[in-house]
C-alpha atoms as a PDB file:
ATOM      1  CA  MET A   1      -0.012  -0.009   0.014  1.00  0.00           C
ATOM      2  CA  ALA A   2       1.035   3.608  -0.464  1.00  0.00           C
ATOM      3  CA  ARG A   3       0.218   6.798   1.221  1.00  0.00           C
ATOM      4  CA  GLY A   4      -3.310   7.888   0.327  1.00  0.00           C
ATOM      5  CA  ASP A   5      -4.562   4.437  -0.638  1.00  0.00           C
ATOM      6  CA  PHE A   6      -8.052   3.733   0.644  1.00  0.00           C
ATOM      7  CA  THR A   7      -9.165   0.118   0.955  1.00  0.00           C
ATOM      8  CA  LEU A   8     -12.596  -1.299   1.735  1.00  0.00           C
ATOM      9  CA  PHE A   9     -13.060  -4.019   4.365  1.00  0.00           C
ATOM     10  CA  LYS A  10     -14.512  -7.203   2.826  1.00  0.00           C
ATOM     11  CA  ASN A  11     -17.467  -7.098   5.227  1.00  0.00           C
ATOM     12  CA  PHE A  12     -18.532  -3.704   3.948  1.00  0.00           C
ATOM     13  CA  VAL A  13     -20.395  -5.126   0.906  1.00  0.00           C
ATOM     14  CA  ILE A  14     -22.142  -7.652   3.120  1.00  0.00           C
ATOM     15  CA  ASP A  15     -23.128  -4.944   5.569  1.00  0.00           C
ATOM     16  CA  LEU A  16     -24.315  -2.765   2.658  1.00  0.00           C
ATOM     17  CA  SER A  17     -26.505  -5.519   1.300  1.00  0.00           C
ATOM     18  CA  ALA A  18     -27.879  -6.132   4.786  1.00  0.00           C
ATOM     19  CA  GLU A  19     -28.837  -2.435   4.972  1.00  0.00           C
ATOM     20  CA  VAL A  20     -26.481  -1.717   7.874  1.00  0.00           C
ATOM     21  CA  HIS A  21     -25.323   1.429   6.080  1.00  0.00           C
ATOM     22  CA  SER A  22     -27.395   4.245   4.677  1.00  0.00           C
ATOM     23  CA  LEU A  23     -24.653   5.933   2.696  1.00  0.00           C
ATOM     24  CA  GLY A  24     -26.659   9.065   1.993  1.00  0.00           C
ATOM     25  CA  SER A  25     -27.809   9.825   5.558  1.00  0.00           C
ATOM     26  CA  ASP A  26     -25.731   8.017   8.203  1.00  0.00           C
ATOM     27  CA  THR A  27     -22.908   9.735  10.151  1.00  0.00           C
ATOM     28  CA  PHE A  28     -19.488   8.555   9.013  1.00  0.00           C
ATOM     29  CA  LYS A  29     -16.328   9.186  11.025  1.00  0.00           C
ATOM     30  CA  MET A  30     -12.597   8.679  10.603  1.00  0.00           C
ATOM     31  CA  GLY A  31     -10.668   7.510  13.610  1.00  0.00           C
ATOM     32  CA  LEU A  32      -6.922   7.990  13.453  1.00  0.00           C
ATOM     33  CA  ILE A  33      -4.839   5.129  14.817  1.00  0.00           C
ATOM     34  CA  THR A  34      -1.153   4.517  15.358  1.00  0.00           C
ATOM     35  CA  THR A  35       1.072   2.201  13.382  1.00  0.00           C
ATOM     36  CA  VAL A  36       0.947  -0.383  16.185  1.00  0.00           C
ATOM     37  CA  VAL A  37      -1.727  -2.245  14.304  1.00  0.00           C
ATOM     38  CA  THR A  38      -2.136  -2.662  10.528  1.00  0.00           C
ATOM     39  CA  PRO A  39      -5.645  -3.030   9.220  1.00  0.00           C
ATOM     40  CA  VAL A  40      -6.293  -5.685   6.575  1.00  0.00           C
ATOM     41  CA  SER A  41      -9.078  -5.766   4.054  1.00  0.00           C
ATOM     42  CA  SER A  42      -9.840  -9.461   4.585  1.00  0.00           C
ATOM     43  CA  GLU A  43     -10.800  -8.874   8.200  1.00  0.00           C
ATOM     44  CA  SER A  44     -14.335 -10.168   8.685  1.00  0.00           C
ATOM     45  CA  SER A  45     -16.754  -8.057  10.710  1.00  0.00           C
ATOM     46  CA  ALA A  46     -14.453  -5.046  11.105  1.00  0.00           C
ATOM     47  CA  LYS A  47     -15.692  -2.475  13.669  1.00  0.00           C
ATOM     48  CA  TRP A  48     -14.301   0.717  15.128  1.00  0.00           C
ATOM     49  CA  ALA A  49     -14.096  -0.972  18.551  1.00  0.00           C
ATOM     50  CA  GLN A  50     -11.364  -3.318  17.198  1.00  0.00           C
ATOM     51  CA  TYR A  51      -9.165  -0.279  16.478  1.00  0.00           C
ATOM     52  CA  SER A  52     -10.169   2.334  19.004  1.00  0.00           C
ATOM     53  CA  ALA A  53      -7.646   1.133  21.621  1.00  0.00           C
ATOM     54  CA  ASN A  54      -4.928   2.224  19.182  1.00  0.00           C
ATOM     55  CA  GLN A  55      -6.415   5.685  18.531  1.00  0.00           C
ATOM     56  CA  VAL A  56      -3.767   8.389  18.488  1.00  0.00           C
ATOM     57  CA  SER A  57      -3.041   9.921  21.862  1.00  0.00           C
ATOM     58  CA  THR A  58      -3.392  13.675  22.193  1.00  0.00           C
ATOM     59  CA  ASP A  59      -3.708  16.394  24.846  1.00  0.00           C
ATOM     60  CA  ASP A  60      -5.737  18.414  22.365  1.00  0.00           C
ATOM     61  CA  SER A  61      -9.471  17.852  22.857  1.00  0.00           C
ATOM     62  CA  GLN A  62     -10.165  18.871  19.271  1.00  0.00           C
ATOM     63  CA  TYR A  63      -8.621  15.586  18.008  1.00  0.00           C
ATOM     64  CA  ALA A  64      -9.328  13.331  20.984  1.00  0.00           C
ATOM     65  CA  GLU A  65     -12.313  11.720  19.230  1.00  0.00           C
ATOM     66  CA  PRO A  66     -12.766  10.364  15.681  1.00  0.00           C
ATOM     67  CA  LEU A  67     -13.433  13.107  13.102  1.00  0.00           C
ATOM     68  CA  THR A  68     -16.910  13.451  11.568  1.00  0.00           C
ATOM     69  CA  LEU A  69     -16.925  13.556   7.806  1.00  0.00           C
ATOM     70  CA  ALA A  70     -18.613  16.684   6.481  1.00  0.00           C
ATOM     71  CA  GLY A  71     -20.223  17.039   3.101  1.00  0.00           C
ATOM     72  CA  VAL A  72     -20.959  13.387   2.723  1.00  0.00           C
ATOM     73  CA  ALA A  73     -22.500  12.734  -0.632  1.00  0.00           C
ATOM     74  CA  LEU A  74     -23.683   9.719  -2.516  1.00  0.00           C
ATOM     75  CA  THR A  75     -23.470  10.737  -6.194  1.00  0.00           C
ATOM     76  CA  THR A  76     -24.692   8.909  -9.313  1.00  0.00           C
ATOM     77  CA  ILE A  77     -21.895   9.129 -11.822  1.00  0.00           C
ATOM     78  CA  SER A  78     -23.619   7.095 -14.557  1.00  0.00           C
ATOM     79  CA  SER A  79     -26.491   4.633 -14.850  1.00  0.00           C
ATOM     80  CA  VAL A  80     -24.344   1.918 -13.224  1.00  0.00           C
ATOM     81  CA  VAL A  81     -21.734   3.837 -11.150  1.00  0.00           C
ATOM     82  CA  THR A  82     -22.235   5.538  -7.781  1.00  0.00           C
ATOM     83  CA  MET A  83     -19.607   7.442  -5.776  1.00  0.00           C
ATOM     84  CA  PHE A  84     -19.322   7.967  -1.993  1.00  0.00           C
ATOM     85  CA  ASP A  85     -17.496  11.144  -1.216  1.00  0.00           C
ATOM     86  CA  SER A  86     -16.977  13.874   1.438  1.00  0.00           C
ATOM     87  CA  SER A  87     -15.201  17.113   2.001  1.00  0.00           C
ATOM     88  CA  ALA A  88     -11.530  17.092   2.940  1.00  0.00           C
ATOM     89  CA  ILE A  89     -10.636  16.745   6.640  1.00  0.00           C
ATOM     90  CA  GLU A  90      -8.566  19.724   7.711  1.00  0.00           C
ATOM     91  CA  LEU A  91      -6.381  19.390  10.848  1.00  0.00           C
ATOM     92  CA  SER A  92      -4.606  22.465  12.206  1.00  0.00           C
ATOM     93  CA  GLN A  93      -1.092  22.201  13.539  1.00  0.00           C
ATOM     94  CA  ASN A  94      -1.175  21.939  17.276  1.00  0.00           C
ATOM     95  CA  SER A  95       1.710  21.455  19.758  1.00  0.00           C
ATOM     96  CA  SER A  96      -0.514  19.249  21.973  1.00  0.00           C
ATOM     97  CA  ALA A  97      -1.729  17.018  19.185  1.00  0.00           C
ATOM     98  CA  PHE A  98      -0.708  13.540  18.089  1.00  0.00           C
ATOM     99  CA  THR A  99       2.679  12.601  16.593  1.00  0.00           C
ATOM    100  CA  ASN A 100       2.062   9.045  15.449  1.00  0.00           C
ATOM    101  CA  ALA A 101      -0.951   8.590  13.157  1.00  0.00           C
ATOM    102  CA  GLY A 102      -0.519   5.757  10.686  1.00  0.00           C
ATOM    103  CA  TRP A 103      -4.052   4.876   9.495  1.00  0.00           C
ATOM    104  CA  GLY A 104      -7.502   6.335   9.232  1.00  0.00           C
ATOM    105  CA  ILE A 105     -10.378   3.990   9.894  1.00  0.00           C
ATOM    106  CA  LEU A 106     -13.617   5.093   8.166  1.00  0.00           C
ATOM    107  CA  TYR A 107     -16.662   3.789  10.025  1.00  0.00           C
ATOM    108  CA  ASN A 108     -20.383   4.321  10.325  1.00  0.00           C
ATOM    109  CA  GLU A 109     -21.270   5.786  13.676  1.00  0.00           C
ATOM    110  CA  ASP A 110     -24.988   5.112  13.061  1.00  0.00           C
ATOM    111  CA  GLY A 111     -24.449   1.383  12.493  1.00  0.00           C
ATOM    112  CA  SER A 112     -25.454  -0.838  15.375  1.00  0.00           C
ATOM    113  CA  SER A 113     -21.809  -1.610  16.184  1.00  0.00           C
ATOM    114  CA  ASP A 114     -19.878   1.203  14.481  1.00  0.00           C
ATOM    115  CA  GLN A 115     -19.151  -1.025  11.505  1.00  0.00           C
ATOM    116  CA  ALA A 116     -15.980  -0.153   9.678  1.00  0.00           C
ATOM    117  CA  VAL A 117     -16.124   0.724   5.961  1.00  0.00           C
ATOM    118  CA  GLY A 118     -12.456   0.850   5.082  1.00  0.00           C
ATOM    119  CA  PHE A 119      -9.053   2.254   5.957  1.00  0.00           C
ATOM    120  CA  LEU A 120      -6.730   4.946   4.662  1.00  0.00           C
ATOM    121  CA  ASP A 121      -2.967   4.571   4.636  1.00  0.00           C
ATOM    122  CA  LEU A 122      -1.561   7.851   5.991  1.00  0.00           C
ATOM    123  CA  GLY A 123       2.015   6.859   5.205  1.00  0.00           C
ATOM    124  CA  GLY A 124       2.725   7.433   8.880  1.00  0.00           C
ATOM    125  CA  PRO A 125       3.767   8.119  11.379  1.00  0.00           C
ATOM    126  CA  VAL A 126       2.139  11.471  10.679  1.00  0.00           C
ATOM    127  CA  ASP A 127       2.881  14.278  13.145  1.00  0.00           C
ATOM    128  CA  LEU A 128       0.320  17.045  13.657  1.00  0.00           C
ATOM    129  CA  THR A 129       2.721  18.962  15.925  1.00  0.00           C
ATOM    130  CA  ALA A 130       4.980  19.461  12.871  1.00  0.00           C
ATOM    131  CA  GLY A 131       2.348  21.116  10.679  1.00  0.00           C
ATOM    132  CA  PRO A 132      -1.232  20.994   9.440  1.00  0.00           C
ATOM    133  CA  ILE A 133      -2.664  17.855   7.808  1.00  0.00           C
ATOM    134  CA  THR A 134      -5.321  17.639   5.133  1.00  0.00           C
ATOM    135  CA  ILE A 135      -6.951  14.320   4.356  1.00  0.00           C
ATOM    136  CA  THR A 136      -8.599  14.589   0.975  1.00  0.00           C
ATOM    137  CA  PRO A 137     -10.574  11.894  -0.838  1.00  0.00           C
ATOM    138  CA  ASN A 138      -9.249  11.406  -4.321  1.00  0.00           C
ATOM    139  CA  THR A 139     -11.184  12.724  -7.313  1.00  0.00           C
ATOM    140  CA  SER A 140     -13.048   9.413  -7.514  1.00  0.00           C
ATOM    141  CA  GLY A 141     -14.359   9.882  -3.899  1.00  0.00           C
ATOM    142  CA  TRP A 142     -13.655   7.533  -1.048  1.00  0.00           C
ATOM    143  CA  PHE A 143     -14.944   4.699  -3.193  1.00  0.00           C
ATOM    144  CA  ARG A 144     -17.213   3.913  -6.133  1.00  0.00           C
ATOM    145  CA  PHE A 145     -19.321   0.910  -6.870  1.00  0.00           C
ATOM    146  CA  THR A 146     -20.722  -0.380 -10.143  1.00  0.00           C
ATOM    147  CA  ILE A 147     -23.996  -2.257 -10.494  1.00  0.00           C
ATOM    148  CA  SER A 148     -24.437  -4.017 -13.783  1.00  0.00           C
END
C-alpha cells in the first residue's frame, strides 16, 4: 500500500446488502490510529471498537475523538456507477496534538456496532505537531461501486 490508498473491508459489501449502512444519511467518522496495528481488508466483521484502543493519543481535545466527515455525498456518476465522497478533513497544527498517526479507519457511527467501511494509509507516522494535515478523498471519492 502507499500513502493515500483507501481500501474497503471485505465485510462492507455484506453490511451494505444487509442495509447496515445508509450511505446518504448516516454519520461517518474517521478514527486515526497509530502504526501499532495494521488493518487488513480481509478482516471479517471489522468495527471501530477493534481499532479504538490504538487511537492516536493527544492532549488536544479537538482531536481526542474520531473526526466526523462533512459534506458526505452519494453521487450517481452514470447509470451503473455511484460514488461515496466527502469534504476534505482539515487538521490544524497543534503542539498538543498527536505525533504518530498511521491509519484512518472510516466507520459508520450510526451502525449498530460502528461497522468499519475501510481504511486509509496515511504513510505514517504522521505528526500534527509538525504542521497541518489535510486528508482529501481522491477525485473518485472515497470509493465507487458499479452495479451491472
